[in-house]
N, C-alpha and C. Protein backbone atom coordinates (compact mmCIF):
# COMPACT_ATOMS: atom_id res chain seq x y z
N MET A 1 188.98 10.00 40.40
CA MET A 1 188.52 11.00 41.39
C MET A 1 187.19 10.68 41.79
N THR A 2 186.66 10.77 43.13
CA THR A 2 185.43 10.59 43.50
C THR A 2 184.49 11.77 43.20
N SER A 3 183.34 11.51 43.31
CA SER A 3 182.30 12.52 42.95
C SER A 3 182.33 13.56 43.96
N ARG A 4 182.69 13.20 45.21
CA ARG A 4 182.68 14.18 46.47
C ARG A 4 183.71 15.06 46.54
N GLU A 5 183.64 16.46 46.63
CA GLU A 5 184.80 17.27 46.49
C GLU A 5 185.24 17.87 47.81
N ILE A 6 184.24 17.69 48.83
CA ILE A 6 184.53 18.46 50.13
C ILE A 6 184.51 17.30 51.03
N TYR A 7 185.50 17.25 52.13
CA TYR A 7 185.62 16.27 52.95
C TYR A 7 185.75 16.88 54.27
N THR A 8 185.46 16.17 55.55
CA THR A 8 185.52 16.32 56.80
C THR A 8 186.81 16.01 57.18
N VAL A 9 187.19 16.03 58.49
CA VAL A 9 188.55 15.80 59.02
C VAL A 9 188.77 14.35 58.96
N ALA A 10 187.95 13.55 59.46
CA ALA A 10 187.78 12.12 59.33
C ALA A 10 187.98 11.56 58.01
N GLN A 11 187.25 12.11 57.12
CA GLN A 11 187.42 11.57 55.77
C GLN A 11 188.82 11.92 55.16
N ALA A 12 189.32 13.11 55.39
CA ALA A 12 190.53 13.53 54.90
C ALA A 12 191.58 12.66 55.42
N ALA A 13 191.40 12.44 56.76
CA ALA A 13 192.39 11.46 57.39
C ALA A 13 192.45 10.00 56.77
N GLU A 14 191.39 9.50 56.38
CA GLU A 14 191.30 8.29 55.66
C GLU A 14 191.82 8.33 54.40
N LEU A 15 191.79 9.35 53.54
CA LEU A 15 192.45 9.48 52.32
C LEU A 15 193.96 9.68 52.51
N LEU A 16 194.44 10.39 53.63
CA LEU A 16 195.78 10.70 53.84
C LEU A 16 196.50 9.61 54.44
N SER A 17 195.82 8.68 55.06
CA SER A 17 196.20 7.50 55.78
C SER A 17 197.03 7.93 56.90
N CYS A 18 196.23 8.83 57.63
CA CYS A 18 196.81 9.33 59.01
C CYS A 18 195.62 9.56 59.83
N SER A 19 195.94 9.97 61.31
CA SER A 19 194.85 10.30 62.23
C SER A 19 194.17 11.59 61.84
N ALA A 20 192.98 11.66 62.62
CA ALA A 20 192.26 13.06 62.21
C ALA A 20 192.94 14.12 63.14
N THR A 21 193.68 13.69 64.27
CA THR A 21 194.31 14.71 65.13
C THR A 21 195.54 15.20 64.10
N GLN A 22 196.23 14.40 63.12
CA GLN A 22 197.40 14.79 62.48
C GLN A 22 196.68 15.69 61.32
N VAL A 23 195.51 15.44 60.97
CA VAL A 23 194.95 16.37 59.92
C VAL A 23 194.54 17.66 60.40
N THR A 24 194.02 17.85 61.78
CA THR A 24 193.85 18.97 62.47
C THR A 24 195.13 19.74 62.57
N ARG A 25 196.20 19.10 62.94
CA ARG A 25 197.50 19.65 62.92
C ARG A 25 198.01 20.35 61.75
N LEU A 26 197.72 19.57 60.64
CA LEU A 26 198.30 20.10 59.39
C LEU A 26 197.28 21.44 59.04
N ILE A 27 196.06 21.35 59.40
CA ILE A 27 195.18 22.57 59.18
C ILE A 27 195.84 23.74 60.03
N GLU A 28 195.86 23.60 61.17
CA GLU A 28 196.28 24.50 62.22
C GLU A 28 197.74 25.10 61.80
N SER A 29 198.61 24.26 61.18
CA SER A 29 199.94 24.81 60.87
C SER A 29 199.87 25.62 59.42
N GLY A 30 198.85 25.32 58.81
CA GLY A 30 198.76 26.07 57.67
C GLY A 30 199.09 25.24 56.38
N ARG A 31 199.66 24.03 56.61
CA ARG A 31 200.03 23.18 55.33
C ARG A 31 198.93 22.62 54.81
N LEU A 32 197.78 22.51 55.32
CA LEU A 32 196.57 22.04 54.62
C LEU A 32 195.48 22.86 54.70
N PRO A 33 194.99 23.58 53.63
CA PRO A 33 194.09 24.70 53.66
C PRO A 33 192.64 24.12 53.88
N ALA A 34 191.92 24.72 54.71
CA ALA A 34 190.60 24.20 55.03
C ALA A 34 189.68 25.50 55.51
N SER A 35 188.27 25.14 55.58
CA SER A 35 187.47 26.14 55.90
C SER A 35 186.83 25.80 57.31
N ASP A 36 186.67 26.74 58.20
CA ASP A 36 186.02 26.24 59.34
C ASP A 36 184.60 26.93 59.23
N ILE A 37 183.70 25.90 59.51
CA ILE A 37 182.28 26.14 59.36
C ILE A 37 181.70 26.00 60.80
N GLY A 38 182.40 25.95 61.76
CA GLY A 38 181.94 25.62 63.16
C GLY A 38 181.84 26.92 63.90
N THR A 39 181.62 26.85 65.18
CA THR A 39 181.51 28.01 66.14
C THR A 39 183.06 28.13 66.63
N SER A 40 183.22 29.35 67.28
CA SER A 40 184.64 29.71 68.14
C SER A 40 184.87 28.53 69.01
N ARG A 41 183.90 27.85 69.55
CA ARG A 41 184.27 26.91 70.66
C ARG A 41 184.28 25.46 69.87
N SER A 42 183.69 25.29 69.01
CA SER A 42 183.85 23.78 68.13
C SER A 42 184.11 24.06 66.65
N HIS A 43 185.19 23.72 66.36
CA HIS A 43 185.61 23.77 64.99
C HIS A 43 185.00 22.66 64.19
N ALA A 44 184.45 23.00 62.97
CA ALA A 44 184.18 21.79 61.89
C ALA A 44 184.91 22.27 60.53
N TRP A 45 185.88 21.61 60.50
CA TRP A 45 186.62 21.80 59.35
C TRP A 45 186.01 21.10 58.14
N ARG A 46 186.45 21.80 56.84
CA ARG A 46 186.01 21.24 55.55
C ARG A 46 187.15 21.30 54.68
N ILE A 47 187.63 20.34 54.02
CA ILE A 47 188.86 20.45 53.30
C ILE A 47 188.38 20.07 51.93
N THR A 48 188.94 20.68 50.89
CA THR A 48 188.77 20.38 49.32
C THR A 48 189.62 19.41 49.02
N ARG A 49 189.21 18.49 47.87
CA ARG A 49 189.99 17.50 47.37
C ARG A 49 191.20 18.18 46.79
N ALA A 50 191.08 19.29 46.30
CA ALA A 50 192.30 19.95 45.54
C ALA A 50 193.16 20.15 46.56
N ALA A 51 193.01 20.55 47.84
CA ALA A 51 193.92 20.73 48.93
C ALA A 51 194.37 19.43 49.32
N ILE A 52 193.72 18.42 49.32
CA ILE A 52 194.45 17.18 49.62
C ILE A 52 195.36 16.75 48.66
N ASP A 53 194.85 16.76 47.36
CA ASP A 53 195.82 16.47 46.28
C ASP A 53 197.22 17.21 46.28
N GLN A 54 197.05 18.56 46.54
CA GLN A 54 198.23 19.53 46.58
C GLN A 54 199.20 18.77 47.69
N LEU A 55 198.62 18.58 48.94
CA LEU A 55 199.34 17.91 50.02
C LEU A 55 200.17 16.82 49.58
N LEU A 56 199.42 15.90 49.04
CA LEU A 56 199.88 14.72 48.66
C LEU A 56 201.07 14.89 47.72
N GLU A 57 200.94 15.68 46.72
CA GLU A 57 201.74 15.92 45.65
C GLU A 57 202.98 16.62 46.18
N SER A 58 203.00 17.56 47.17
CA SER A 58 204.14 18.13 47.78
C SER A 58 204.83 17.08 48.83
N ARG A 59 204.09 16.05 49.27
CA ARG A 59 204.81 15.12 50.06
C ARG A 59 205.79 14.26 49.23
N THR A 60 205.29 13.82 47.96
CA THR A 60 206.00 12.82 47.07
C THR A 60 207.04 13.64 46.23
N ASN A 61 206.94 14.90 46.21
CA ASN A 61 207.94 15.61 45.39
C ASN A 61 208.97 16.08 46.25
N LYS A 62 209.23 15.75 47.34
CA LYS A 62 210.28 16.19 48.26
C LYS A 62 211.61 15.30 47.72
N ALA A 63 212.82 16.07 47.55
CA ALA A 63 213.89 15.36 47.36
C ALA A 63 214.50 14.62 48.49
N LYS A 64 215.07 13.38 48.41
CA LYS A 64 215.65 12.61 49.68
C LYS A 64 216.99 13.26 49.82
N PRO A 65 217.27 13.39 51.10
CA PRO A 65 218.78 13.92 51.41
C PRO A 65 219.69 12.84 51.13
N PRO A 66 220.78 13.38 50.61
CA PRO A 66 221.98 12.51 50.37
C PRO A 66 222.42 11.59 51.60
N LYS A 67 222.96 10.38 51.42
CA LYS A 67 223.43 9.61 52.35
C LYS A 67 224.61 10.54 52.99
N ALA A 68 224.83 10.30 54.30
CA ALA A 68 225.77 11.24 54.93
C ALA A 68 227.14 10.41 54.84
N SER A 69 227.24 9.10 54.74
CA SER A 69 228.47 8.21 54.35
C SER A 69 228.19 6.92 54.01
N ARG A 70 229.15 6.24 53.64
CA ARG A 70 229.03 4.95 53.11
C ARG A 70 229.92 3.94 54.24
N VAL A 71 229.34 2.83 54.27
CA VAL A 71 230.19 1.79 55.12
C VAL A 71 230.63 0.73 54.17
N ARG A 72 231.92 0.46 54.32
CA ARG A 72 232.47 -0.77 53.63
C ARG A 72 233.07 -1.88 54.56
N ARG A 73 233.02 -2.96 54.18
CA ARG A 73 233.54 -3.84 55.02
C ARG A 73 234.81 -4.41 54.42
N ILE A 74 235.79 -4.68 55.27
CA ILE A 74 237.14 -5.24 54.86
C ILE A 74 237.46 -6.02 55.94
N GLY A 75 237.07 -7.41 55.60
CA GLY A 75 237.20 -8.61 56.32
C GLY A 75 236.08 -8.36 57.50
N ARG A 76 236.43 -8.48 58.70
CA ARG A 76 235.51 -8.05 59.95
C ARG A 76 235.40 -6.68 60.19
N ARG A 77 236.14 -5.75 59.70
CA ARG A 77 236.15 -4.49 60.02
C ARG A 77 235.15 -3.79 59.26
N ARG A 78 234.48 -2.77 59.79
CA ARG A 78 233.67 -1.83 59.08
C ARG A 78 234.38 -0.48 59.03
N ILE A 79 234.40 0.12 57.80
CA ILE A 79 235.06 1.52 57.59
C ILE A 79 234.09 2.37 57.16
N VAL A 80 234.02 3.45 57.74
CA VAL A 80 233.00 4.38 57.41
C VAL A 80 233.56 5.41 56.50
N ILE A 81 233.22 5.71 55.17
CA ILE A 81 233.88 6.52 54.28
C ILE A 81 232.81 7.81 54.15
N PRO A 82 233.27 8.97 54.56
CA PRO A 82 232.55 9.99 54.45
C PRO A 82 232.01 10.58 52.97
N ASN A 83 230.76 10.92 52.76
CA ASN A 83 230.44 11.29 51.62
C ASN A 83 230.93 12.78 51.05
N ILE A 84 231.83 12.97 49.97
CA ILE A 84 232.37 14.32 49.76
C ILE A 84 231.46 14.75 48.64
N VAL A 85 231.05 15.84 48.67
CA VAL A 85 230.13 16.67 47.61
C VAL A 85 230.94 17.44 46.88
């Protein structure tokens, strides 16, 4: 962990490997907690390292959806076999 605990939108975007616009959207949607230290006309968001770590953890803990079907080849034909749960 770095010694810096509070990040700007640009710094958070670099840590999350996305754009600053995407970080702003995450903040505005409520998925990334942040503090607004700017004015009502100009936002200046600050994000804690804990909030970034929590977002990264929630992204990696999502279960992958099951495959919808399997495809088998018999000769030149492709047969789709539905996945039965």
